[in-house]
Amino acid sequence: MALFECKVCNENYSDVDESHVPRVLTCGHSICQSCAAKQMSNSLILCKTCPEETITKVRDGDVRNLQKNFGLMQTIEMFQQDLPLKCKEHQYNLAEFVCIEPDCPSIDKSMCRACEEFGVHTGHVMRG
């Protein structure tokens, strides 16, 4: 199992191949755009990862209207460059978490512990 892959099709996410761009579901899980399109029925997607039934309503029945997981895409890009992830707000800290809060206004989703505890991402849903 690869580190950055869709849990439905097991294909690697991509920031270049639009069909494998990670899209965020209401529950916070991500699936690739291709799987989102295949799983959508009547503008609804059932999350296959959640232990409980979680449904995402897709605006206008177009999976491109689902939010891209920019934090994950940024992390993938950094890993491809083989650079350590640094927090944009606190350059001296490593970015240990990725904000997956659907309504997060921050453009940069990678964050350090200080951002998670005291910064713009306080109280947000995150992955570490």
C-alpha atoms as a PDB file:
ATOM      1  CA  MET A   1       0.000   0.000   0.000  1.00  0.00           C
ATOM      2  CA  ALA A   2       1.416   3.373  -1.030  1.00  0.00           C
ATOM      3  CA  LEU A   3       1.426   6.286   1.369  1.00  0.00           C
ATOM      4  CA  PHE A   4      -0.679   8.604  -0.792  1.00  0.00           C
ATOM      5  CA  GLU A   5      -3.232   6.446  -2.539  1.00  0.00           C
ATOM      6  CA  CYS A   6      -6.970   6.392  -2.978  1.00  0.00           C
ATOM      7  CA  LYS A   7      -8.420   3.885  -0.520  1.00  0.00           C
ATOM      8  CA  VAL A   8     -11.010   2.803  -3.094  1.00  0.00           C
ATOM      9  CA  CYS A   9      -8.924   2.010  -6.195  1.00  0.00           C
ATOM     10  CA  ASN A  10      -5.471   1.878  -4.539  1.00  0.00           C
ATOM     11  CA  GLU A  11      -4.053   4.174  -7.235  1.00  0.00           C
ATOM     12  CA  ASN A  12      -1.669   6.950  -6.255  1.00  0.00           C
ATOM     13  CA  TYR A  13      -3.128  10.419  -5.921  1.00  0.00           C
ATOM     14  CA  SER A  14      -1.814  12.948  -8.392  1.00  0.00           C
ATOM     15  CA  ASP A  15      -1.666  16.705  -8.625  1.00  0.00           C
ATOM     16  CA  VAL A  16      -1.098  16.390 -12.390  1.00  0.00           C
ATOM     17  CA  ASP A  17      -3.558  13.702 -13.536  1.00  0.00           C
ATOM     18  CA  GLU A  18      -6.973  15.283 -12.947  1.00  0.00           C
ATOM     19  CA  SER A  19      -8.690  11.891 -12.656  1.00  0.00           C
ATOM     20  CA  HIS A  20      -6.553  11.050  -9.614  1.00  0.00           C
ATOM     21  CA  VAL A  21      -6.713  14.387  -7.827  1.00  0.00           C
ATOM     22  CA  PRO A  22      -7.806  13.762  -4.225  1.00  0.00           C
ATOM     23  CA  ARG A  23     -11.290  15.128  -3.504  1.00  0.00           C
ATOM     24  CA  VAL A  24     -12.550  15.700   0.042  1.00  0.00           C
ATOM     25  CA  LEU A  25     -15.800  14.119   1.180  1.00  0.00           C
ATOM     26  CA  THR A  26     -18.017  15.622   3.888  1.00  0.00           C
ATOM     27  CA  CYS A  27     -16.535  13.249   6.475  1.00  0.00           C
ATOM     28  CA  GLY A  28     -12.995  14.485   5.768  1.00  0.00           C
ATOM     29  CA  HIS A  29     -11.834  11.391   3.900  1.00  0.00           C
ATOM     30  CA  SER A  30     -10.444  11.785   0.404  1.00  0.00           C
ATOM     31  CA  ILE A  31     -10.938   9.693  -2.704  1.00  0.00           C
ATOM     32  CA  CYS A  32      -9.676  10.265  -6.219  1.00  0.00           C
ATOM     33  CA  GLN A  33     -11.857  12.131  -8.660  1.00  0.00           C
ATOM     34  CA  SER A  34     -12.285   9.015 -10.793  1.00  0.00           C
ATOM     35  CA  CYS A  35     -13.607   6.937  -7.876  1.00  0.00           C
ATOM     36  CA  ALA A  36     -15.835   9.798  -6.758  1.00  0.00           C
ATOM     37  CA  ALA A  37     -17.413   9.857 -10.215  1.00  0.00           C
ATOM     38  CA  LYS A  38     -17.849   6.070 -10.269  1.00  0.00           C
ATOM     39  CA  GLN A  39     -19.359   5.945  -6.778  1.00  0.00           C
ATOM     40  CA  MET A  40     -21.707   8.874  -7.225  1.00  0.00           C
ATOM     41  CA  SER A  41     -25.377   8.033  -7.544  1.00  0.00           C
ATOM     42  CA  ASN A  42     -28.052  10.728  -7.722  1.00  0.00           C
ATOM     43  CA  SER A  43     -25.429  13.350  -6.760  1.00  0.00           C
ATOM     44  CA  LEU A  44     -24.548  11.403  -3.592  1.00  0.00           C
ATOM     45  CA  ILE A  45     -21.360   9.573  -2.618  1.00  0.00           C
ATOM     46  CA  LEU A  46     -21.233   7.036   0.188  1.00  0.00           C
ATOM     47  CA  CYS A  47     -17.841   7.027   1.931  1.00  0.00           C
ATOM     48  CA  LYS A  48     -16.370   3.516   1.824  1.00  0.00           C
ATOM     49  CA  THR A  49     -13.764   4.396   4.471  1.00  0.00           C
ATOM     50  CA  CYS A  50     -16.027   5.590   7.292  1.00  0.00           C
ATOM     51  CA  PRO A  51     -17.085   3.026   9.873  1.00  0.00           C
ATOM     52  CA  GLU A  52     -20.532   4.641   9.875  1.00  0.00           C
ATOM     53  CA  GLU A  53     -22.580   5.488   6.807  1.00  0.00           C
ATOM     54  CA  THR A  54     -21.493   8.951   5.697  1.00  0.00           C
ATOM     55  CA  ILE A  55     -22.932  10.512   2.574  1.00  0.00           C
ATOM     56  CA  THR A  56     -21.595  13.490   0.630  1.00  0.00           C
ATOM     57  CA  LYS A  57     -23.933  15.527  -1.549  1.00  0.00           C
ATOM     58  CA  VAL A  58     -22.219  16.620  -4.760  1.00  0.00           C
ATOM     59  CA  ARG A  59     -23.247  20.046  -6.015  1.00  0.00           C
ATOM     60  CA  ASP A  60     -24.770  19.872  -9.499  1.00  0.00           C
ATOM     61  CA  GLY A  61     -23.777  16.190  -9.729  1.00  0.00           C
ATOM     62  CA  ASP A  62     -20.262  17.183 -10.822  1.00  0.00           C
ATOM     63  CA  VAL A  63     -17.411  15.688  -8.771  1.00  0.00           C
ATOM     64  CA  ARG A  64     -15.209  18.592  -9.834  1.00  0.00           C
ATOM     65  CA  ASN A  65     -17.320  20.634  -7.406  1.00  0.00           C
ATOM     66  CA  LEU A  66     -15.908  18.615  -4.505  1.00  0.00           C
ATOM     67  CA  GLN A  67     -13.065  20.457  -2.775  1.00  0.00           C
ATOM     68  CA  LYS A  68      -9.606  19.329  -3.856  1.00  0.00           C
ATOM     69  CA  ASN A  69      -7.474  18.152  -0.954  1.00  0.00           C
ATOM     70  CA  PHE A  70      -4.827  20.837  -1.444  1.00  0.00           C
ATOM     71  CA  GLY A  71      -3.026  19.901   1.762  1.00  0.00           C
ATOM     72  CA  LEU A  72      -2.565  16.347   0.569  1.00  0.00           C
ATOM     73  CA  MET A  73      -1.531  17.531  -2.890  1.00  0.00           C
ATOM     74  CA  GLN A  74       1.032  19.865  -1.320  1.00  0.00           C
ATOM     75  CA  THR A  75       2.353  17.041   0.852  1.00  0.00           C
ATOM     76  CA  ILE A  76       2.667  14.732  -2.166  1.00  0.00           C
ATOM     77  CA  GLU A  77       4.558  17.437  -4.039  1.00  0.00           C
ATOM     78  CA  MET A  78       6.951  17.907  -1.120  1.00  0.00           C
ATOM     79  CA  PHE A  79       7.569  14.168  -0.852  1.00  0.00           C
ATOM     80  CA  GLN A  80       8.254  13.998  -4.579  1.00  0.00           C
ATOM     81  CA  GLN A  81      10.853  16.731  -4.130  1.00  0.00           C
ATOM     82  CA  ASP A  82      12.257  14.805  -1.145  1.00  0.00           C
ATOM     83  CA  LEU A  83      12.250  17.942   1.000  1.00  0.00           C
ATOM     84  CA  PRO A  84      11.307  18.090   4.665  1.00  0.00           C
ATOM     85  CA  LEU A  85       7.873  19.565   5.179  1.00  0.00           C
ATOM     86  CA  LYS A  86       8.159  22.933   6.892  1.00  0.00           C
ATOM     87  CA  CYS A  87       5.356  24.915   8.435  1.00  0.00           C
ATOM     88  CA  LYS A  88       4.764  28.082   6.384  1.00  0.00           C
ATOM     89  CA  GLU A  89       3.793  30.040   9.486  1.00  0.00           C
ATOM     90  CA  HIS A  90       6.680  28.815  11.656  1.00  0.00           C
ATOM     91  CA  GLN A  91       9.591  28.081   9.302  1.00  0.00           C
ATOM     92  CA  TYR A  92      11.665  26.540  12.085  1.00  0.00           C
ATOM     93  CA  ASN A  93       9.038  23.823  12.719  1.00  0.00           C
ATOM     94  CA  LEU A  94       8.328  20.710  10.724  1.00  0.00           C
ATOM     95  CA  ALA A  95       4.803  20.411   9.388  1.00  0.00           C
ATOM     96  CA  GLU A  96       3.546  17.373  11.263  1.00  0.00           C
ATOM     97  CA  PHE A  97      -0.134  17.654  10.394  1.00  0.00           C
ATOM     98  CA  VAL A  98      -2.399  18.371   7.444  1.00  0.00           C
ATOM     99  CA  CYS A  99      -5.632  20.256   8.058  1.00  0.00           C
ATOM    100  CA  ILE A 100      -8.612  18.420   6.563  1.00  0.00           C
ATOM    101  CA  GLU A 101     -11.241  20.778   7.955  1.00  0.00           C
ATOM    102  CA  PRO A 102     -13.670  21.276   5.039  1.00  0.00           C
ATOM    103  CA  ASP A 103     -14.318  24.945   5.866  1.00  0.00           C
ATOM    104  CA  CYS A 104     -10.723  25.915   6.675  1.00  0.00           C
ATOM    105  CA  PRO A 105     -10.011  29.318   5.119  1.00  0.00           C
ATOM    106  CA  SER A 106      -6.241  28.806   5.182  1.00  0.00           C
ATOM    107  CA  ILE A 107      -4.605  28.199   1.809  1.00  0.00           C
ATOM    108  CA  ASP A 108      -1.721  26.294   3.384  1.00  0.00           C
ATOM    109  CA  LYS A 109      -2.978  23.089   4.967  1.00  0.00           C
ATOM    110  CA  SER A 110       0.374  21.801   6.271  1.00  0.00           C
ATOM    111  CA  MET A 111       0.949  22.822   9.855  1.00  0.00           C
ATOM    112  CA  CYS A 112       3.160  22.381  12.864  1.00  0.00           C
ATOM    113  CA  ARG A 113       2.071  21.625  16.412  1.00  0.00           C
ATOM    114  CA  ALA A 114       2.012  25.360  17.255  1.00  0.00           C
ATOM    115  CA  CYS A 115      -0.501  26.032  14.453  1.00  0.00           C
ATOM    116  CA  GLU A 116      -2.573  23.074  15.576  1.00  0.00           C
ATOM    117  CA  GLU A 117      -2.677  24.197  19.206  1.00  0.00           C
ATOM    118  CA  PHE A 118      -2.603  27.993  18.980  1.00  0.00           C
ATOM    119  CA  GLY A 119      -2.792  29.139  15.350  1.00  0.00           C
ATOM    120  CA  VAL A 120      -5.278  29.393  12.531  1.00  0.00           C
ATOM    121  CA  HIS A 121      -5.955  25.648  12.640  1.00  0.00           C
ATOM    122  CA  THR A 122      -6.931  25.486  16.332  1.00  0.00           C
ATOM    123  CA  GLY A 123      -9.800  23.049  16.750  1.00  0.00           C
ATOM    124  CA  HIS A 124      -9.697  21.885  13.133  1.00  0.00           C
ATOM    125  CA  VAL A 125      -9.851  18.279  11.991  1.00  0.00           C
ATOM    126  CA  MET A 126      -6.390  17.084  11.029  1.00  0.00           C
ATOM    127  CA  ARG A 127      -4.315  14.105   9.999  1.00  0.00           C
ATOM    128  CA  GLY A 128      -0.869  13.483  11.285  1.00  0.00           C
END
